[in-house]
Amino acid sequence: MLLEKTVARFFHTLNLTFEKEVGTHSEESVEFGYAWRTKTGIVDEMEVGFEAFGEPGEIRNFPPVEEQEHRIGPVFFHGVEIGGIELEYNLAWLIGLTDASPDNTFRWELEFEF
């Protein structure tokens, strides 16, 4: 489920995921996860914000918070046009909030349209 909302100069996106296996040998559980992004423009084609990602686990039986994965951190967005190709990229440094999370995660994304 994707939710988006602009408030003042900030654009918020929340993506809630529910994962269920299907088939003969599937698990009965439904796993829950989320991704949250808030960003705002600073100058032409540049934005800053933060992102948070989490995987709390099985909906019917969430493990203790220390055993869940939760990460949050700053993110930088930029777009340029090079030779008629539009490039957009973002870079994020996420910090683990629980024992089950990686201490640091560097995330990058590159998108180009032609």
PDB file of N, CA and C in Angstrom:
ATOM      1  N   MET A   1       0.856  -1.155   0.000  1.00  0.00           N
ATOM      2  CA  MET A   1       0.000   0.000   0.000  1.00  0.00           C
ATOM      3  C   MET A   1       0.908   1.225   0.000  1.00  0.00           C
ATOM      4  N   LEU A   2       0.752   2.099  -0.978  1.00  0.00           N
ATOM      5  CA  LEU A   2       1.584   3.286  -1.111  1.00  0.00           C
ATOM      6  C   LEU A   2       0.764   4.524  -0.784  1.00  0.00           C
ATOM      7  N   LEU A   3       1.264   5.327   0.152  1.00  0.00           N
ATOM      8  CA  LEU A   3       0.608   6.571   0.550  1.00  0.00           C
ATOM      9  C   LEU A   3       1.576   7.719   0.323  1.00  0.00           C
ATOM     10  N   GLU A   4       1.090   8.812  -0.293  1.00  0.00           N
ATOM     11  CA  GLU A   4       1.919   9.987  -0.530  1.00  0.00           C
ATOM     12  C   GLU A   4       1.152  11.243  -0.130  1.00  0.00           C
ATOM     13  N   LYS A   5       1.884  12.201   0.443  1.00  0.00           N
ATOM     14  CA  LYS A   5       1.247  13.432   0.898  1.00  0.00           C
ATOM     15  C   LYS A   5       2.281  14.548   0.935  1.00  0.00           C
ATOM     16  N   THR A   6       1.930  15.716   0.417  1.00  0.00           N
ATOM     17  CA  THR A   6       2.782  16.891   0.514  1.00  0.00           C
ATOM     18  C   THR A   6       2.232  17.789   1.618  1.00  0.00           C
ATOM     19  N   VAL A   7       3.106  18.166   2.543  1.00  0.00           N
ATOM     20  CA  VAL A   7       2.744  19.067   3.630  1.00  0.00           C
ATOM     21  C   VAL A   7       3.790  20.169   3.648  1.00  0.00           C
ATOM     22  N   ALA A   8       3.323  21.398   3.431  1.00  0.00           N
ATOM     23  CA  ALA A   8       4.223  22.559   3.302  1.00  0.00           C
ATOM     24  C   ALA A   8       5.212  22.264   2.182  1.00  0.00           C
ATOM     25  N   ARG A   9       6.510  22.273   2.454  1.00  0.00           N
ATOM     26  CA  ARG A   9       7.524  22.009   1.429  1.00  0.00           C
ATOM     27  C   ARG A   9       8.027  20.571   1.457  1.00  0.00           C
ATOM     28  N   PHE A  10       7.395  19.712   2.229  1.00  0.00           N
ATOM     29  CA  PHE A  10       7.886  18.349   2.416  1.00  0.00           C
ATOM     30  C   PHE A  10       6.968  17.343   1.723  1.00  0.00           C
ATOM     31  N   PHE A  11       7.598  16.429   0.974  1.00  0.00           N
ATOM     32  CA  PHE A  11       6.871  15.369   0.275  1.00  0.00           C
ATOM     33  C   PHE A  11       7.127  14.069   1.030  1.00  0.00           C
ATOM     34  N   HIS A  12       6.056  13.442   1.520  1.00  0.00           N
ATOM     35  CA  HIS A  12       6.143  12.232   2.339  1.00  0.00           C
ATOM     36  C   HIS A  12       5.622  11.038   1.543  1.00  0.00           C
ATOM     37  N   THR A  13       6.329   9.921   1.640  1.00  0.00           N
ATOM     38  CA  THR A  13       5.906   8.674   1.008  1.00  0.00           C
ATOM     39  C   THR A  13       6.020   7.558   2.038  1.00  0.00           C
ATOM     40  N   LEU A  14       4.963   6.771   2.173  1.00  0.00           N
ATOM     41  CA  LEU A  14       4.961   5.614   3.069  1.00  0.00           C
ATOM     42  C   LEU A  14       4.510   4.410   2.266  1.00  0.00           C
ATOM     43  N   ASN A  15       5.334   3.372   2.259  1.00  0.00           N
ATOM     44  CA  ASN A  15       5.023   2.142   1.539  1.00  0.00           C
ATOM     45  C   ASN A  15       4.937   1.009   2.559  1.00  0.00           C
ATOM     46  N   LEU A  16       3.742   0.475   2.750  1.00  0.00           N
ATOM     47  CA  LEU A  16       3.514  -0.637   3.663  1.00  0.00           C
ATOM     48  C   LEU A  16       3.423  -1.915   2.835  1.00  0.00           C
ATOM     49  N   THR A  17       4.188  -2.945   3.222  1.00  0.00           N
ATOM     50  CA  THR A  17       4.180  -4.195   2.466  1.00  0.00           C
ATOM     51  C   THR A  17       3.712  -5.348   3.359  1.00  0.00           C
ATOM     52  N   PHE A  18       2.947  -6.213   2.736  1.00  0.00           N
ATOM     53  CA  PHE A  18       2.465  -7.424   3.384  1.00  0.00           C
ATOM     54  C   PHE A  18       2.830  -8.581   2.455  1.00  0.00           C
ATOM     55  N   GLU A  19       3.603  -9.519   2.949  1.00  0.00           N
ATOM     56  CA  GLU A  19       4.116 -10.603   2.122  1.00  0.00           C
ATOM     57  C   GLU A  19       3.567 -11.939   2.604  1.00  0.00           C
ATOM     58  N   LYS A  20       2.956 -12.666   1.681  1.00  0.00           N
ATOM     59  CA  LYS A  20       2.364 -13.969   2.000  1.00  0.00           C
ATOM     60  C   LYS A  20       2.762 -14.950   0.908  1.00  0.00           C
ATOM     61  N   GLU A  21       3.332 -16.069   1.302  1.00  0.00           N
ATOM     62  CA  GLU A  21       3.676 -17.118   0.347  1.00  0.00           C
ATOM     63  C   GLU A  21       2.416 -17.857  -0.071  1.00  0.00           C
ATOM     64  N   VAL A  22       2.403 -18.338  -1.298  1.00  0.00           N
ATOM     65  CA  VAL A  22       1.292 -19.149  -1.794  1.00  0.00           C
ATOM     66  C   VAL A  22       1.850 -20.440  -2.372  1.00  0.00           C
ATOM     67  N   GLY A  23       1.024 -21.450  -2.419  1.00  0.00           N
ATOM     68  CA  GLY A  23       1.450 -22.721  -2.988  1.00  0.00           C
ATOM     69  C   GLY A  23       1.380 -23.838  -1.966  1.00  0.00           C
ATOM     70  N   THR A  24       1.686 -25.011  -2.423  1.00  0.00           N
ATOM     71  CA  THR A  24       1.569 -26.222  -1.610  1.00  0.00           C
ATOM     72  C   THR A  24       2.456 -26.201  -0.371  1.00  0.00           C
ATOM     73  N   HIS A  25       3.681 -25.737  -0.511  1.00  0.00           N
ATOM     74  CA  HIS A  25       4.637 -25.767   0.598  1.00  0.00           C
ATOM     75  C   HIS A  25       4.852 -24.387   1.223  1.00  0.00           C
ATOM     76  N   SER A  26       3.863 -23.527   1.121  1.00  0.00           N
ATOM     77  CA  SER A  26       4.005 -22.156   1.613  1.00  0.00           C
ATOM     78  C   SER A  26       3.844 -22.080   3.129  1.00  0.00           C
ATOM     79  N   GLU A  27       4.446 -21.025   3.687  1.00  0.00           N
ATOM     80  CA  GLU A  27       4.301 -20.723   5.111  1.00  0.00           C
ATOM     81  C   GLU A  27       2.933 -20.087   5.334  1.00  0.00           C
ATOM     82  N   GLU A  28       2.398 -20.222   6.528  1.00  0.00           N
ATOM     83  CA  GLU A  28       1.102 -19.638   6.859  1.00  0.00           C
ATOM     84  C   GLU A  28       1.202 -18.161   7.238  1.00  0.00           C
ATOM     85  N   SER A  29       2.397 -17.702   7.562  1.00  0.00           N
ATOM     86  CA  SER A  29       2.564 -16.355   8.096  1.00  0.00           C
ATOM     87  C   SER A  29       2.405 -15.272   7.034  1.00  0.00           C
ATOM     88  N   VAL A  30       2.102 -14.062   7.514  1.00  0.00           N
ATOM     89  CA  VAL A  30       2.083 -12.857   6.688  1.00  0.00           C
ATOM     90  C   VAL A  30       3.120 -11.920   7.293  1.00  0.00           C
ATOM     91  N   GLU A  31       4.132 -11.557   6.494  1.00  0.00           N
ATOM     92  CA  GLU A  31       5.219 -10.701   6.948  1.00  0.00           C
ATOM     93  C   GLU A  31       4.887  -9.236   6.653  1.00  0.00           C
ATOM     94  N   PHE A  32       5.264  -8.357   7.574  1.00  0.00           N
ATOM     95  CA  PHE A  32       5.000  -6.929   7.432  1.00  0.00           C
ATOM     96  C   PHE A  32       6.315  -6.165   7.323  1.00  0.00           C
ATOM     97  N   GLY A  33       6.336  -5.155   6.446  1.00  0.00           N
ATOM     98  CA  GLY A  33       7.501  -4.280   6.309  1.00  0.00           C
ATOM     99  C   GLY A  33       7.056  -2.882   5.922  1.00  0.00           C
ATOM    100  N   TYR A  34       7.955  -1.917   6.031  1.00  0.00           N
ATOM    101  CA  TYR A  34       7.615  -0.551   5.667  1.00  0.00           C
ATOM    102  C   TYR A  34       8.839   0.172   5.106  1.00  0.00           C
ATOM    103  N   ALA A  35       8.571   1.197   4.328  1.00  0.00           N
ATOM    104  CA  ALA A  35       9.590   2.133   3.841  1.00  0.00           C
ATOM    105  C   ALA A  35       8.969   3.520   3.916  1.00  0.00           C
ATOM    106  N   TRP A  36       9.689   4.466   4.517  1.00  0.00           N
ATOM    107  CA  TRP A  36       9.176   5.820   4.694  1.00  0.00           C
ATOM    108  C   TRP A  36      10.227   6.788   4.168  1.00  0.00           C
ATOM    109  N   ARG A  37       9.784   7.769   3.391  1.00  0.00           N
ATOM    110  CA  ARG A  37      10.692   8.784   2.849  1.00  0.00           C
ATOM    111  C   ARG A  37      10.038  10.149   3.004  1.00  0.00           C
ATOM    112  N   THR A  38      10.820  11.107   3.479  1.00  0.00           N
ATOM    113  CA  THR A  38      10.416  12.508   3.512  1.00  0.00           C
ATOM    114  C   THR A  38      11.531  13.298   2.857  1.00  0.00           C
ATOM    115  N   LYS A  39      11.153  14.168   1.900  1.00  0.00           N
ATOM    116  CA  LYS A  39      12.173  14.960   1.218  1.00  0.00           C
ATOM    117  C   LYS A  39      11.653  16.350   0.900  1.00  0.00           C
ATOM    118  N   THR A  40      12.608  17.266   0.666  1.00  0.00           N
ATOM    119  CA  THR A  40      12.281  18.635   0.305  1.00  0.00           C
ATOM    120  C   THR A  40      13.369  19.170  -0.617  1.00  0.00           C
ATOM    121  N   GLY A  41      12.996  20.075  -1.516  1.00  0.00           N
ATOM    122  CA  GLY A  41      13.949  20.670  -2.436  1.00  0.00           C
ATOM    123  C   GLY A  41      14.829  21.695  -1.745  1.00  0.00           C
ATOM    124  N   ILE A  42      16.096  21.764  -2.201  1.00  0.00           N
ATOM    125  CA  ILE A  42      16.999  22.781  -1.653  1.00  0.00           C
ATOM    126  C   ILE A  42      17.436  23.755  -2.745  1.00  0.00           C
ATOM    127  N   VAL A  43      17.753  23.264  -3.930  1.00  0.00           N
ATOM    128  CA  VAL A  43      18.038  24.087  -5.108  1.00  0.00           C
ATOM    129  C   VAL A  43      17.579  23.301  -6.330  1.00  0.00           C
ATOM    130  N   ASP A  44      17.695  23.875  -7.516  1.00  0.00           N
ATOM    131  CA  ASP A  44      17.255  23.196  -8.736  1.00  0.00           C
ATOM    132  C   ASP A  44      17.768  21.757  -8.805  1.00  0.00           C
ATOM    133  N   GLU A  45      16.857  20.845  -9.003  1.00  0.00           N
ATOM    134  CA  GLU A  45      17.159  19.419  -9.195  1.00  0.00           C
ATOM    135  C   GLU A  45      17.869  18.758  -8.020  1.00  0.00           C
ATOM    136  N   MET A  46      17.887  19.380  -6.842  1.00  0.00           N
ATOM    137  CA  MET A  46      18.493  18.782  -5.654  1.00  0.00           C
ATOM    138  C   MET A  46      17.482  18.754  -4.524  1.00  0.00           C
ATOM    139  N   GLU A  47      17.444  17.621  -3.834  1.00  0.00           N
ATOM    140  CA  GLU A  47      16.566  17.466  -2.681  1.00  0.00           C
ATOM    141  C   GLU A  47      17.322  16.734  -1.580  1.00  0.00           C
ATOM    142  N   VAL A  48      16.907  16.956  -0.354  1.00  0.00           N
ATOM    143  CA  VAL A  48      17.435  16.234   0.800  1.00  0.00           C
ATOM    144  C   VAL A  48      16.263  15.726   1.619  1.00  0.00           C
ATOM    145  N   GLY A  49      16.540  14.750   2.436  1.00  0.00           N
ATOM    146  CA  GLY A  49      15.492  14.218   3.297  1.00  0.00           C
ATOM    147  C   GLY A  49      16.020  13.091   4.153  1.00  0.00           C
ATOM    148  N   PHE A  50      15.115  12.210   4.554  1.00  0.00           N
ATOM    149  CA  PHE A  50      15.515  11.018   5.299  1.00  0.00           C
ATOM    150  C   PHE A  50      14.639   9.858   4.877  1.00  0.00           C
ATOM    151  N   GLU A  51      15.151   8.673   5.111  1.00  0.00           N
ATOM    152  CA  GLU A  51      14.423   7.442   4.813  1.00  0.00           C
ATOM    153  C   GLU A  51      14.475   6.535   6.033  1.00  0.00           C
ATOM    154  N   ALA A  52      13.453   5.723   6.165  1.00  0.00           N
ATOM    155  CA  ALA A  52      13.410   4.715   7.221  1.00  0.00           C
ATOM    156  C   ALA A  52      12.860   3.428   6.614  1.00  0.00           C
ATOM    157  N   PHE A  53      13.482   2.314   6.964  1.00  0.00           N
ATOM    158  CA  PHE A  53      13.048   1.009   6.487  1.00  0.00           C
ATOM    159  C   PHE A  53      12.939   0.073   7.685  1.00  0.00           C
ATOM    160  N   GLY A  54      11.954  -0.803   7.649  1.00  0.00           N
ATOM    161  CA  GLY A  54      11.811  -1.751   8.733  1.00  0.00           C
ATOM    162  C   GLY A  54      11.123  -3.019   8.303  1.00  0.00           C
ATOM    163  N   GLU A  55      11.466  -4.080   9.017  1.00  0.00           N
ATOM    164  CA  GLU A  55      10.831  -5.383   8.825  1.00  0.00           C
ATOM    165  C   GLU A  55      10.494  -5.938  10.198  1.00  0.00           C
ATOM    166  N   PRO A  56       9.345  -5.528  10.732  1.00  0.00           N
ATOM    167  CA  PRO A  56       8.961  -6.008  12.059  1.00  0.00           C
ATOM    168  C   PRO A  56       8.764  -7.532  12.125  1.00  0.00           C
ATOM    169  N   GLY A  57       8.308  -8.143  11.036  1.00  0.00           N
ATOM    170  CA  GLY A  57       8.169  -9.596  11.033  1.00  0.00           C
ATOM    171  C   GLY A  57       6.748 -10.063  10.833  1.00  0.00           C
ATOM    172  N   GLU A  58       6.495 -11.267  11.335  1.00  0.00           N
ATOM    173  CA  GLU A  58       5.185 -11.903  11.176  1.00  0.00           C
ATOM    174  C   GLU A  58       4.115 -11.135  11.953  1.00  0.00           C
ATOM    175  N   ILE A  59       3.022 -10.827  11.267  1.00  0.00           N
ATOM    176  CA  ILE A  59       1.969 -10.003  11.864  1.00  0.00           C
ATOM    177  C   ILE A  59       1.351 -10.656  13.101  1.00  0.00           C
ATOM    178  N   ARG A  60       1.104 -11.953  13.064  1.00  0.00           N
ATOM    179  CA  ARG A  60       0.440 -12.614  14.191  1.00  0.00           C
ATOM    180  C   ARG A  60       1.336 -12.773  15.410  1.00  0.00           C
ATOM    181  N   ASN A  61       2.659 -12.622  15.198  1.00  0.00           N
ATOM    182  CA  ASN A  61       3.563 -12.865  16.318  1.00  0.00           C
ATOM    183  C   ASN A  61       4.844 -12.048  16.134  1.00  0.00           C
ATOM    184  N   PHE A  62       4.733 -10.718  16.278  1.00  0.00           N
ATOM    185  CA  PHE A  62       5.918  -9.881  16.131  1.00  0.00           C
ATOM    186  C   PHE A  62       6.955 -10.275  17.176  1.00  0.00           C
ATOM    187  N   PRO A  63       8.220 -10.407  16.771  1.00  0.00           N
ATOM    188  CA  PRO A  63       9.265 -10.657  17.769  1.00  0.00           C
ATOM    189  C   PRO A  63       9.518  -9.381  18.572  1.00  0.00           C
ATOM    190  N   PRO A  64      10.291  -9.476  19.661  1.00  0.00           N
ATOM    191  CA  PRO A  64      10.639  -8.267  20.417  1.00  0.00           C
ATOM    192  C   PRO A  64      11.327  -7.253  19.493  1.00  0.00           C
ATOM    193  N   VAL A  65      11.200  -5.979  19.803  1.00  0.00           N
ATOM    194  CA  VAL A  65      11.747  -4.913  18.955  1.00  0.00           C
ATOM    195  C   VAL A  65      13.242  -5.116  18.692  1.00  0.00           C
ATOM    196  N   GLU A  66      14.009  -5.576  19.666  1.00  0.00           N
ATOM    197  CA  GLU A  66      15.449  -5.769  19.484  1.00  0.00           C
ATOM    198  C   GLU A  66      15.744  -6.784  18.379  1.00  0.00           C
ATOM    199  N   GLU A  67      14.797  -7.692  18.098  1.00  0.00           N
ATOM    200  CA  GLU A  67      14.982  -8.728  17.079  1.00  0.00           C
ATOM    201  C   GLU A  67      14.404  -8.316  15.722  1.00  0.00           C
ATOM    202  N   GLN A  68      13.839  -7.132  15.633  1.00  0.00           N
ATOM    203  CA  GLN A  68      13.308  -6.614  14.372  1.00  0.00           C
ATOM    204  C   GLN A  68      14.372  -5.745  13.703  1.00  0.00           C
ATOM    205  N   GLU A  69      14.249  -5.576  12.384  1.00  0.00           N
ATOM    206  CA  GLU A  69      15.189  -4.734  11.657  1.00  0.00           C
ATOM    207  C   GLU A  69      14.564  -3.373  11.379  1.00  0.00           C
ATOM    208  N   HIS A  70      15.238  -2.315  11.843  1.00  0.00           N
ATOM    209  CA  HIS A  70      14.788  -0.937  11.622  1.00  0.00           C
ATOM    210  C   HIS A  70      16.022  -0.080  11.345  1.00  0.00           C
ATOM    211  N   ARG A  71      15.978   0.711  10.239  1.00  0.00           N
ATOM    212  CA  ARG A  71      17.089   1.579   9.843  1.00  0.00           C
ATOM    213  C   ARG A  71      16.544   2.945   9.450  1.00  0.00           C
ATOM    214  N   ILE A  72      17.326   3.993   9.713  1.00  0.00           N
ATOM    215  CA  ILE A  72      16.923   5.355   9.352  1.00  0.00           C
ATOM    216  C   ILE A  72      18.166   6.172   9.042  1.00  0.00           C
ATOM    217  N   GLY A  73      18.012   7.157   8.144  1.00  0.00           N
ATOM    218  CA  GLY A  73      19.153   8.009   7.864  1.00  0.00           C
ATOM    219  C   GLY A  73      18.879   9.047   6.795  1.00  0.00           C
ATOM    220  N   PRO A  74      19.860   9.934   6.593  1.00  0.00           N
ATOM    221  CA  PRO A  74      19.711  11.016   5.619  1.00  0.00           C
ATOM    222  C   PRO A  74      19.851  10.494   4.187  1.00  0.00           C
ATOM    223  N   VAL A  75      19.231  11.239   3.248  1.00  0.00           N
ATOM    224  CA  VAL A  75      19.301  10.877   1.830  1.00  0.00           C
ATOM    225  C   VAL A  75      19.431  12.153   1.002  1.00  0.00           C
ATOM    226  N   PHE A  76      20.158  12.041  -0.104  1.00  0.00           N
ATOM    227  CA  PHE A  76      20.402  13.149  -1.022  1.00  0.00           C
ATOM    228  C   PHE A  76      19.918  12.733  -2.411  1.00  0.00           C
ATOM    229  N   PHE A  77      19.167  13.601  -3.083  1.00  0.00           N
ATOM    230  CA  PHE A  77      18.618  13.333  -4.416  1.00  0.00           C
ATOM    231  C   PHE A  77      19.138  14.377  -5.394  1.00  0.00           C
ATOM    232  N   HIS A  78      19.435  13.944  -6.627  1.00  0.00           N
ATOM    233  CA  HIS A  78      19.907  14.877  -7.638  1.00  0.00           C
ATOM    234  C   HIS A  78      19.536  14.353  -9.020  1.00  0.00           C
ATOM    235  N   GLY A  79      19.293  15.273  -9.938  1.00  0.00           N
ATOM    236  CA  GLY A  79      18.987  14.906 -11.318  1.00  0.00           C
ATOM    237  C   GLY A  79      19.762  15.785 -12.276  1.00  0.00           C
ATOM    238  N   VAL A  80      20.275  15.177 -13.360  1.00  0.00           N
ATOM    239  CA  VAL A  80      21.011  15.911 -14.384  1.00  0.00           C
ATOM    240  C   VAL A  80      20.630  15.361 -15.755  1.00  0.00           C
ATOM    241  N   GLU A  81      20.878  16.162 -16.785  1.00  0.00           N
ATOM    242  CA  GLU A  81      20.676  15.700 -18.148  1.00  0.00           C
ATOM    243  C   GLU A  81      22.027  15.721 -18.851  1.00  0.00           C
ATOM    244  N   ILE A  82      22.400  14.574 -19.425  1.00  0.00           N
ATOM    245  CA  ILE A  82      23.681  14.445 -20.115  1.00  0.00           C
ATOM    246  C   ILE A  82      23.423  13.865 -21.499  1.00  0.00           C
ATOM    247  N   GLY A  83      23.669  14.649 -22.509  1.00  0.00           N
ATOM    248  CA  GLY A  83      23.516  14.172 -23.882  1.00  0.00           C
ATOM    249  C   GLY A  83      22.121  13.669 -24.211  1.00  0.00           C
ATOM    250  N   GLY A  84      21.103  14.337 -23.718  1.00  0.00           N
ATOM    251  CA  GLY A  84      19.730  13.934 -23.993  1.00  0.00           C
ATOM    252  C   GLY A  84      19.216  12.804 -23.111  1.00  0.00           C
ATOM    253  N   ILE A  85      20.054  12.315 -22.192  1.00  0.00           N
ATOM    254  CA  ILE A  85      19.641  11.261 -21.256  1.00  0.00           C
ATOM    255  C   ILE A  85      19.462  11.894 -19.875  1.00  0.00           C
ATOM    256  N   GLU A  86      18.306  11.678 -19.295  1.00  0.00           N
ATOM    257  CA  GLU A  86      18.022  12.223 -17.969  1.00  0.00           C
ATOM    258  C   GLU A  86      18.444  11.220 -16.905  1.00  0.00           C
ATOM    259  N   LEU A  87      19.366  11.632 -16.040  1.00  0.00           N
ATOM    260  CA  LEU A  87      19.858  10.790 -14.949  1.00  0.00           C
ATOM    261  C   LEU A  87      19.332  11.316 -13.620  1.00  0.00           C
ATOM    262  N   GLU A  88      18.861  10.415 -12.802  1.00  0.00           N
ATOM    263  CA  GLU A  88      18.461  10.753 -11.438  1.00  0.00           C
ATOM    264  C   GLU A  88      19.124   9.750 -10.508  1.00  0.00           C
ATOM    265  N   TYR A  89      19.679  10.235  -9.418  1.00  0.00           N
ATOM    266  CA  TYR A  89      20.287   9.327  -8.456  1.00  0.00           C
ATOM    267  C   TYR A  89      19.997   9.811  -7.043  1.00  0.00           C
ATOM    268  N   ASN A  90      20.105   8.883  -6.125  1.00  0.00           N
ATOM    269  CA  ASN A  90      20.015   9.255  -4.722  1.00  0.00           C
ATOM    270  C   ASN A  90      20.977   8.399  -3.916  1.00  0.00           C
ATOM    271  N   LEU A  91      21.467   8.967  -2.842  1.00  0.00           N
ATOM    272  CA  LEU A  91      22.432   8.332  -1.954  1.00  0.00           C
ATOM    273  C   LEU A  91      21.915   8.448  -0.533  1.00  0.00           C
ATOM    274  N   ALA A  92      21.991   7.356   0.209  1.00  0.00           N
ATOM    275  CA  ALA A  92      21.512   7.365   1.590  1.00  0.00           C
ATOM    276  C   ALA A  92      22.485   6.621   2.491  1.00  0.00           C
ATOM    277  N   TRP A  93      22.608   7.087   3.705  1.00  0.00           N
ATOM    278  CA  TRP A  93      23.387   6.403   4.727  1.00  0.00           C
ATOM    279  C   TRP A  93      22.423   6.103   5.862  1.00  0.00           C
ATOM    280  N   LEU A  94      22.158   4.824   6.070  1.00  0.00           N
ATOM    281  CA  LEU A  94      21.170   4.387   7.062  1.00  0.00           C
ATOM    282  C   LEU A  94      21.871   3.805   8.279  1.00  0.00           C
ATOM    283  N   ILE A  95      21.359   4.137   9.441  1.00  0.00           N
ATOM    284  CA  ILE A  95      21.913   3.677  10.706  1.00  0.00           C
ATOM    285  C   ILE A  95      20.935   2.698  11.339  1.00  0.00           C
ATOM    286  N   GLY A  96      21.437   1.569  11.793  1.00  0.00           N
ATOM    287  CA  GLY A  96      20.597   0.561  12.437  1.00  0.00           C
ATOM    288  C   GLY A  96      20.116   1.024  13.793  1.00  0.00           C
ATOM    289  N   LEU A  97      18.838   0.782  14.063  1.00  0.00           N
ATOM    290  CA  LEU A  97      18.243   1.214  15.331  1.00  0.00           C
ATOM    291  C   LEU A  97      18.091   0.077  16.335  1.00  0.00           C
ATOM    292  N   THR A  98      18.280  -1.160  15.895  1.00  0.00           N
ATOM    293  CA  THR A  98      18.113  -2.319  16.779  1.00  0.00           C
ATOM    294  C   THR A  98      19.304  -3.252  16.635  1.00  0.00           C
ATOM    295  N   ASP A  99      19.415  -4.214  17.543  1.00  0.00           N
ATOM    296  CA  ASP A  99      20.503  -5.197  17.486  1.00  0.00           C
ATOM    297  C   ASP A  99      20.439  -6.044  16.222  1.00  0.00           C
ATOM    298  N   ALA A 100      19.251  -6.295  15.704  1.00  0.00           N
ATOM    299  CA  ALA A 100      19.085  -7.130  14.512  1.00  0.00           C
ATOM    300  C   ALA A 100      19.377  -6.380  13.212  1.00  0.00           C
ATOM    301  N   SER A 101      19.536  -5.063  13.283  1.00  0.00           N
ATOM    302  CA  SER A 101      19.786  -4.238  12.094  1.00  0.00           C
ATOM    303  C   SER A 101      21.279  -4.087  11.848  1.00  0.00           C
ATOM    304  N   PRO A 102      21.680  -3.957  10.579  1.00  0.00           N
ATOM    305  CA  PRO A 102      23.081  -3.625  10.326  1.00  0.00           C
ATOM    306  C   PRO A 102      23.403  -2.269  10.956  1.00  0.00           C
ATOM    307  N   ASP A 103      24.605  -2.105  11.472  1.00  0.00           N
ATOM    308  CA  ASP A 103      24.981  -0.838  12.108  1.00  0.00           C
ATOM    309  C   ASP A 103      24.920   0.317  11.119  1.00  0.00           C
ATOM    310  N   ASN A 104      25.446   0.107   9.910  1.00  0.00           N
ATOM    311  CA  ASN A 104      25.471   1.121   8.866  1.00  0.00           C
ATOM    312  C   ASN A 104      25.154   0.476   7.525  1.00  0.00           C
ATOM    313  N   THR A 105      24.351   1.163   6.725  1.00  0.00           N
ATOM    314  CA  THR A 105      24.027   0.703   5.382  1.00  0.00           C
ATOM    315  C   THR A 105      24.152   1.888   4.437  1.00  0.00           C
ATOM    316  N   PHE A 106      24.928   1.722   3.372  1.00  0.00           N
ATOM    317  CA  PHE A 106      25.002   2.740   2.337  1.00  0.00           C
ATOM    318  C   PHE A 106      24.110   2.271   1.204  1.00  0.00           C
ATOM    319  N   ARG A 107      23.124   3.093   0.823  1.00  0.00           N
ATOM    320  CA  ARG A 107      22.182   2.734  -0.231  1.00  0.00           C
ATOM    321  C   ARG A 107      22.285   3.758  -1.344  1.00  0.00           C
ATOM    322  N   TRP A 108      22.329   3.294  -2.597  1.00  0.00           N
ATOM    323  CA  TRP A 108      22.334   4.197  -3.738  1.00  0.00           C
ATOM    324  C   TRP A 108      21.411   3.652  -4.803  1.00  0.00           C
ATOM    325  N   GLU A 109      20.873   4.578  -5.577  1.00  0.00           N
ATOM    326  CA  GLU A 109      19.939   4.239  -6.651  1.00  0.00           C
ATOM    327  C   GLU A 109      20.237   5.147  -7.845  1.00  0.00           C
ATOM    328  N   LEU A 110      20.292   4.553  -9.025  1.00  0.00           N
ATOM    329  CA  LEU A 110      20.547   5.300 -10.250  1.00  0.00           C
ATOM    330  C   LEU A 110      19.452   4.968 -11.231  1.00  0.00           C
ATOM    331  N   GLU A 111      18.847   5.986 -11.806  1.00  0.00           N
ATOM    332  CA  GLU A 111      17.765   5.804 -12.770  1.00  0.00           C
ATOM    333  C   GLU A 111      18.061   6.685 -13.984  1.00  0.00           C
ATOM    334  N   PHE A 112      17.884   6.137 -15.164  1.00  0.00           N
ATOM    335  CA  PHE A 112      18.055   6.959 -16.348  1.00  0.00           C
ATOM    336  C   PHE A 112      16.941   6.704 -17.344  1.00  0.00           C
ATOM    337  N   GLU A 113      16.521   7.764 -17.978  1.00  0.00           N
ATOM    338  CA  GLU A 113      15.468   7.710 -18.988  1.00  0.00           C
ATOM    339  C   GLU A 113      16.067   8.109 -20.319  1.00  0.00           C
ATOM    340  N   PHE A 114      15.699   7.372 -21.378  1.00  0.00           N
ATOM    341  CA  PHE A 114      16.193   7.698 -22.706  1.00  0.00           C
ATOM    342  C   PHE A 114      15.102   7.546 -23.723  1.00  0.00           C
TER     343      PHE A 114
END
